[in-house]
């Protein structure tokens, strides 16, 4: 269970960073949400061989992380967790698409290798952009802006509850594992033959705990959140940030910057 608590702590570390006071943290959450959306759409719109054209998009995470004073290593490590999934998704391209696109130092580079590299770069950029958004925007502000954009309330509530109940789920699982170890000295965790009842009890206990938490939230005015929310208009600085990030993303999509600089991809 120590691993589960550590993983949960890492998840909430980004939210703790969102309490900063840098120039990026002070940007309106709607501007950051919209800019991230444009950035992601532009990245995923490239074809599978456009590795070089994705390179200019590295400027966004590099500049924003510096201005927000968020550790580069933290975002890089979190982004690399998606690496096995994108490698699994694109590894077959190496064997199925062997057409040589160009030669690099006398070595033929196949189309499959280029498409695999594009999948990896595209995935890491998208994950990094989402992590940066979480690191510079408080969670409550993000959900408020989703409601402002008229995202169905049920989806926003499910997003909120899932994120918030992770801690309660880990606590319940930790208590059950501790009780199991007390009854089975020497056991590191539930035996495979006991996993069925264990998971069933965890589900029931989590439902009960979640219901108590939800009732407590309603007593504190959660149901009135939409009516009590104050809408803050975007300032000139917010528009500048949105136009700078969104405009550059669209510009990089329309223009082949590496080709203009003499590149081949």
Protein backbone atom coordinates (compact mmCIF):
# COMPACT_ATOMS: atom_id res chain seq x y z
CA UNK A 1 0.00 0.00 0.00
CA UNK A 2 2.99 2.27 0.40
CA UNK A 3 3.30 2.22 -3.40
CA UNK A 4 -0.34 3.24 -3.78
CA UNK A 5 0.06 6.14 -1.36
CA UNK A 6 3.24 7.21 -3.15
CA UNK A 7 1.50 7.12 -6.53
CA UNK A 8 -1.42 9.13 -5.14
CA UNK A 9 1.00 11.62 -3.63
CA UNK A 10 2.67 12.08 -7.02
CA UNK A 11 -0.74 12.67 -8.59
CA UNK A 12 -1.57 15.45 -6.15
CA UNK A 13 1.91 17.00 -6.37
CA UNK A 14 0.95 18.73 -9.61
CA UNK A 15 -2.15 20.18 -7.97
CA UNK A 16 0.00 21.58 -5.17
CA UNK A 17 2.15 23.33 -7.77
CA UNK A 18 -0.97 25.02 -9.16
CA UNK A 19 -1.06 27.28 -6.09
CA UNK A 20 1.90 29.29 -7.43
CA UNK A 21 1.85 33.02 -8.10
CA UNK A 22 3.88 33.26 -11.32
CA UNK A 23 2.73 35.07 -14.43
CA UNK A 24 1.46 31.80 -15.92
CA UNK A 25 -0.49 30.91 -12.77
CA UNK A 26 -2.22 34.30 -12.90
CA UNK A 27 -3.49 33.76 -16.45
CA UNK A 28 -7.24 33.18 -16.59
CA UNK A 29 -8.00 29.42 -16.44
CA UNK A 30 -10.29 29.70 -19.47
CA UNK A 31 -7.42 31.12 -21.53
CA UNK A 32 -5.10 28.31 -20.42
CA UNK A 33 -7.76 25.69 -21.11
CA UNK A 34 -8.50 27.06 -24.58
CA UNK A 35 -4.82 27.46 -25.45
CA UNK A 36 -4.10 23.88 -24.40
CA UNK A 37 -7.05 22.66 -26.46
CA UNK A 38 -5.80 24.43 -29.61
CA UNK A 39 -2.29 23.11 -28.96
CA UNK A 40 -3.53 19.51 -28.66
CA UNK A 41 -5.77 19.70 -31.72
CA UNK A 42 -2.92 21.04 -33.85
CA UNK A 43 -0.56 18.29 -32.71
CA UNK A 44 -2.93 15.38 -33.32
CA UNK A 45 -3.90 16.75 -36.76
CA UNK A 46 -0.49 15.96 -38.30
CA UNK A 47 -0.05 12.87 -40.42
CA UNK A 48 1.94 9.90 -39.18
CA UNK A 49 5.22 10.87 -40.88
CA UNK A 50 5.40 14.50 -39.71
CA UNK A 51 8.13 14.15 -37.10
CA UNK A 52 10.07 17.26 -38.02
CA UNK A 53 6.98 19.46 -38.08
CA UNK A 54 6.28 18.53 -34.45
CA UNK A 55 9.60 19.91 -33.25
CA UNK A 56 8.50 23.59 -33.07
CA UNK A 57 5.84 22.56 -30.56
CA UNK A 58 8.60 21.93 -28.02
CA UNK A 59 8.79 25.68 -27.48
CA UNK A 60 5.45 25.78 -25.62
CA UNK A 61 6.37 23.40 -22.76
CA UNK A 62 9.90 24.79 -22.57
CA UNK A 63 8.79 28.42 -22.25
CA UNK A 64 5.74 27.85 -20.05
CA UNK A 65 7.61 25.62 -17.59
CA UNK A 66 10.32 28.26 -17.26
CA UNK A 67 7.82 31.07 -16.68
CA UNK A 68 5.72 28.98 -14.28
CA UNK A 69 8.80 27.80 -12.35
CA UNK A 70 7.67 24.18 -12.64
CA UNK A 71 10.54 21.65 -12.56
CA UNK A 72 11.31 20.30 -16.02
CA UNK A 73 12.28 16.92 -14.57
CA UNK A 74 8.89 16.47 -12.93
CA UNK A 75 6.97 16.95 -16.17
CA UNK A 76 9.43 14.83 -18.15
CA UNK A 77 9.21 11.93 -15.69
CA UNK A 78 5.42 12.04 -15.64
CA UNK A 79 5.26 12.24 -19.43
CA UNK A 80 7.50 9.21 -19.81
CA UNK A 81 4.88 7.05 -18.08
CA UNK A 82 2.98 7.13 -21.40
CA UNK A 83 6.01 5.93 -23.34
CA UNK A 84 5.32 2.16 -23.04
CA UNK A 85 1.77 2.64 -24.35
CA UNK A 86 2.77 4.61 -27.44
CA UNK A 87 5.66 2.21 -28.12
CA UNK A 88 3.26 -0.71 -27.92
CA UNK A 89 0.87 1.07 -30.29
CA UNK A 90 3.50 1.95 -32.90
CA UNK A 91 6.12 -0.79 -32.63
CA UNK A 92 4.45 -2.88 -35.33
CA UNK A 93 5.07 -0.06 -37.83
CA UNK A 94 8.76 -0.98 -37.85
CA UNK A 95 7.94 -4.36 -39.35
CA UNK A 96 4.89 -3.52 -41.48
CA UNK A 97 6.08 -0.32 -43.15
CA UNK A 98 9.67 -0.84 -44.37
CA UNK A 99 9.67 1.62 -47.26
CA UNK A 100 12.80 3.78 -47.10
CA UNK A 101 11.93 7.48 -46.81
CA UNK A 102 15.46 8.91 -46.69
CA UNK A 103 19.02 8.06 -45.77
CA UNK A 104 20.73 9.35 -42.65
CA UNK A 105 24.49 8.89 -42.56
CA UNK A 106 24.29 6.14 -45.13
CA UNK A 107 21.59 4.29 -43.20
CA UNK A 108 18.13 3.94 -44.72
CA UNK A 109 15.39 5.21 -42.41
CA UNK A 110 12.13 3.36 -43.01
CA UNK A 111 8.69 4.89 -43.00
CA UNK A 112 7.79 2.66 -40.06
CA UNK A 113 10.60 4.11 -37.95
CA UNK A 114 9.49 7.64 -38.80
CA UNK A 115 5.85 6.90 -37.97
CA UNK A 116 6.89 5.31 -34.67
CA UNK A 117 8.93 8.39 -33.80
CA UNK A 118 5.97 10.60 -34.71
CA UNK A 119 3.67 8.63 -32.41
CA UNK A 120 6.14 8.90 -29.52
CA UNK A 121 6.75 12.63 -29.98
CA UNK A 122 3.06 13.39 -30.46
CA UNK A 123 2.09 11.42 -27.35
CA UNK A 124 4.77 12.96 -25.14
CA UNK A 125 3.88 16.49 -26.25
CA UNK A 126 0.17 15.94 -25.58
CA UNK A 127 0.77 14.39 -22.16
CA UNK A 128 3.20 17.16 -21.24
CA UNK A 129 0.69 19.84 -22.27
CA UNK A 130 -2.03 18.32 -20.08
CA UNK A 131 0.36 17.95 -17.13
CA UNK A 132 1.42 21.58 -17.51
CA UNK A 133 -2.23 22.65 -17.48
CA UNK A 134 -2.79 20.74 -14.23
CA UNK A 135 0.41 22.14 -12.72
CA UNK A 136 -0.54 25.79 -13.36
CA UNK A 137 -4.32 25.68 -12.92
CA UNK A 138 -6.15 24.71 -9.70
CA UNK A 139 -8.49 21.78 -10.21
CA UNK A 140 -11.55 23.70 -9.03
CA UNK A 141 -10.91 26.46 -11.54
CA UNK A 142 -10.65 23.96 -14.38
CA UNK A 143 -13.98 22.33 -13.56
CA UNK A 144 -15.62 25.75 -13.21
CA UNK A 145 -14.42 26.70 -16.69
CA UNK A 146 -15.69 23.41 -18.11
CA UNK A 147 -19.12 24.33 -16.77
CA UNK A 148 -18.72 27.81 -18.22
CA UNK A 149 -18.10 26.17 -21.60
CA UNK A 150 -21.39 24.32 -21.14
CA UNK A 151 -19.83 20.87 -20.84
CA UNK A 152 -22.63 18.60 -19.54
CA UNK A 153 -22.73 18.82 -15.76
CA UNK A 154 -22.85 15.05 -15.32
CA UNK A 155 -19.47 14.67 -17.04
CA UNK A 156 -17.89 17.45 -14.98
CA UNK A 157 -19.28 15.96 -11.76
CA UNK A 158 -17.99 12.49 -12.68
CA UNK A 159 -14.59 14.03 -13.43
CA UNK A 160 -14.57 15.78 -10.05
CA UNK A 161 -15.77 12.79 -8.07
CA UNK A 162 -13.36 10.36 -9.73
CA UNK A 163 -10.42 12.63 -9.05
CA UNK A 164 -11.40 13.39 -5.47
CA UNK A 165 -12.45 9.86 -4.49
CA UNK A 166 -9.07 8.38 -5.44
CA UNK A 167 -7.76 9.34 -2.02
CA UNK A 168 -10.76 7.79 -0.27
CA UNK A 169 -10.36 4.60 -2.31
CA UNK A 170 -6.68 4.30 -1.38
CA UNK A 171 -7.46 4.87 2.30
CA UNK A 172 -10.12 2.16 2.31
CA UNK A 173 -7.82 -0.27 0.50
CA UNK A 174 -5.01 0.53 2.93
CA UNK A 175 -7.23 -0.17 5.94
CA UNK A 176 -8.37 -3.49 4.44
CA UNK A 177 -4.80 -4.58 3.61
CA UNK A 178 -3.71 -3.74 7.16
CA UNK A 179 -6.58 -5.80 8.57
CA UNK A 180 -5.69 -8.68 6.25
CA UNK A 181 -2.05 -8.65 7.34
CA UNK A 182 -3.06 -8.70 11.01
CA UNK A 183 -5.14 -11.81 10.38
CA UNK A 184 -2.49 -13.43 8.16
CA UNK A 185 0.96 -12.77 9.69
CA UNK A 186 3.73 -12.79 7.12
CA UNK A 187 1.45 -12.07 4.16
CA UNK A 188 2.48 -9.11 2.01
CA UNK A 189 -0.99 -8.72 0.60
CA UNK A 190 -4.24 -10.55 -0.13
CA UNK A 191 -3.80 -14.04 -1.55
CA UNK A 192 -5.12 -14.62 -5.03
CA UNK A 193 -7.89 -16.86 -3.69
CA UNK A 194 -9.09 -14.03 -1.45
CA UNK A 195 -9.00 -11.32 -4.10
CA UNK A 196 -12.66 -11.78 -5.09
CA UNK A 197 -14.12 -11.07 -1.64
CA UNK A 198 -11.46 -8.42 -1.04
CA UNK A 199 -12.35 -6.44 -4.16
CA UNK A 200 -16.07 -6.83 -3.47
CA UNK A 201 -15.71 -5.50 0.06
CA UNK A 202 -13.51 -2.67 -1.18
CA UNK A 203 -16.20 -1.70 -3.69
CA UNK A 204 -18.94 -1.69 -1.05
CA UNK A 205 -16.83 0.25 1.45
CA UNK A 206 -15.86 2.76 -1.22
CA UNK A 207 -19.50 3.29 -2.20
CA UNK A 208 -20.44 3.89 1.42
CA UNK A 209 -17.51 6.27 1.97
CA UNK A 210 -18.25 8.13 -1.25
CA UNK A 211 -21.88 8.58 -0.28
CA UNK A 212 -20.90 10.06 3.10
CA UNK A 213 -18.42 12.39 1.42
CA UNK A 214 -21.01 13.51 -1.13
CA UNK A 215 -23.61 14.22 1.56
CA UNK A 216 -21.03 16.27 3.45
CA UNK A 217 -20.27 18.22 0.26
CA UNK A 218 -23.97 18.95 -0.29
CA UNK A 219 -24.24 20.24 3.28
CA UNK A 220 -21.44 22.67 2.42
CA UNK A 221 -23.21 24.02 -0.64
CA UNK A 222 -21.86 21.83 -3.46
CA UNK A 223 -25.30 21.64 -5.11
CA UNK A 224 -25.42 25.45 -5.26
CA UNK A 225 -22.01 25.76 -6.89
CA UNK A 226 -23.27 26.76 -10.34
CA UNK A 227 -25.53 29.52 -8.98
CA UNK A 228 -22.87 30.90 -6.63
CA UNK A 229 -20.00 30.94 -9.12
CA UNK A 230 -18.64 34.36 -10.11
CA UNK A 231 -17.53 34.78 -13.70
CA UNK A 232 -14.34 36.76 -14.16
CA UNK A 233 -13.73 38.33 -17.60
CA UNK A 234 -10.51 37.78 -19.50
CA UNK A 235 -7.99 40.60 -19.26
CA UNK A 236 -5.67 41.87 -21.98
CA UNK A 237 -2.87 39.69 -20.63
CA UNK A 238 -5.11 36.62 -20.84
CA UNK A 239 -5.93 37.36 -24.49
CA UNK A 240 -2.25 37.87 -25.26
CA UNK A 241 -1.42 34.46 -23.75
CA UNK A 242 -4.25 32.78 -25.67
CA UNK A 243 -3.30 34.41 -28.97
CA UNK A 244 0.40 33.70 -28.45
CA UNK A 245 -0.07 29.99 -27.71
CA UNK A 246 -3.03 29.33 -29.99
CA UNK A 247 -1.71 31.51 -32.82
CA UNK A 248 1.74 29.94 -32.77
CA UNK A 249 0.21 26.45 -32.70
CA UNK A 250 -1.91 27.21 -35.75
CA UNK A 251 1.06 28.88 -37.47
CA UNK A 252 3.25 25.82 -36.91
CA UNK A 253 0.43 23.71 -38.34
CA UNK A 254 0.00 25.78 -41.48
CA UNK A 255 3.69 26.40 -42.19
CA UNK A 256 6.36 23.74 -42.48
CA UNK A 257 8.91 25.47 -40.27
CA UNK A 258 11.62 22.75 -40.49
CA UNK A 259 11.34 22.78 -44.29
CA UNK A 260 11.68 26.54 -44.37
CA UNK A 261 14.83 26.18 -42.26
CA UNK A 262 16.28 23.59 -44.62
CA UNK A 263 15.10 20.38 -42.96
CA UNK A 264 13.96 17.22 -44.71
CA UNK A 265 11.11 15.96 -42.52
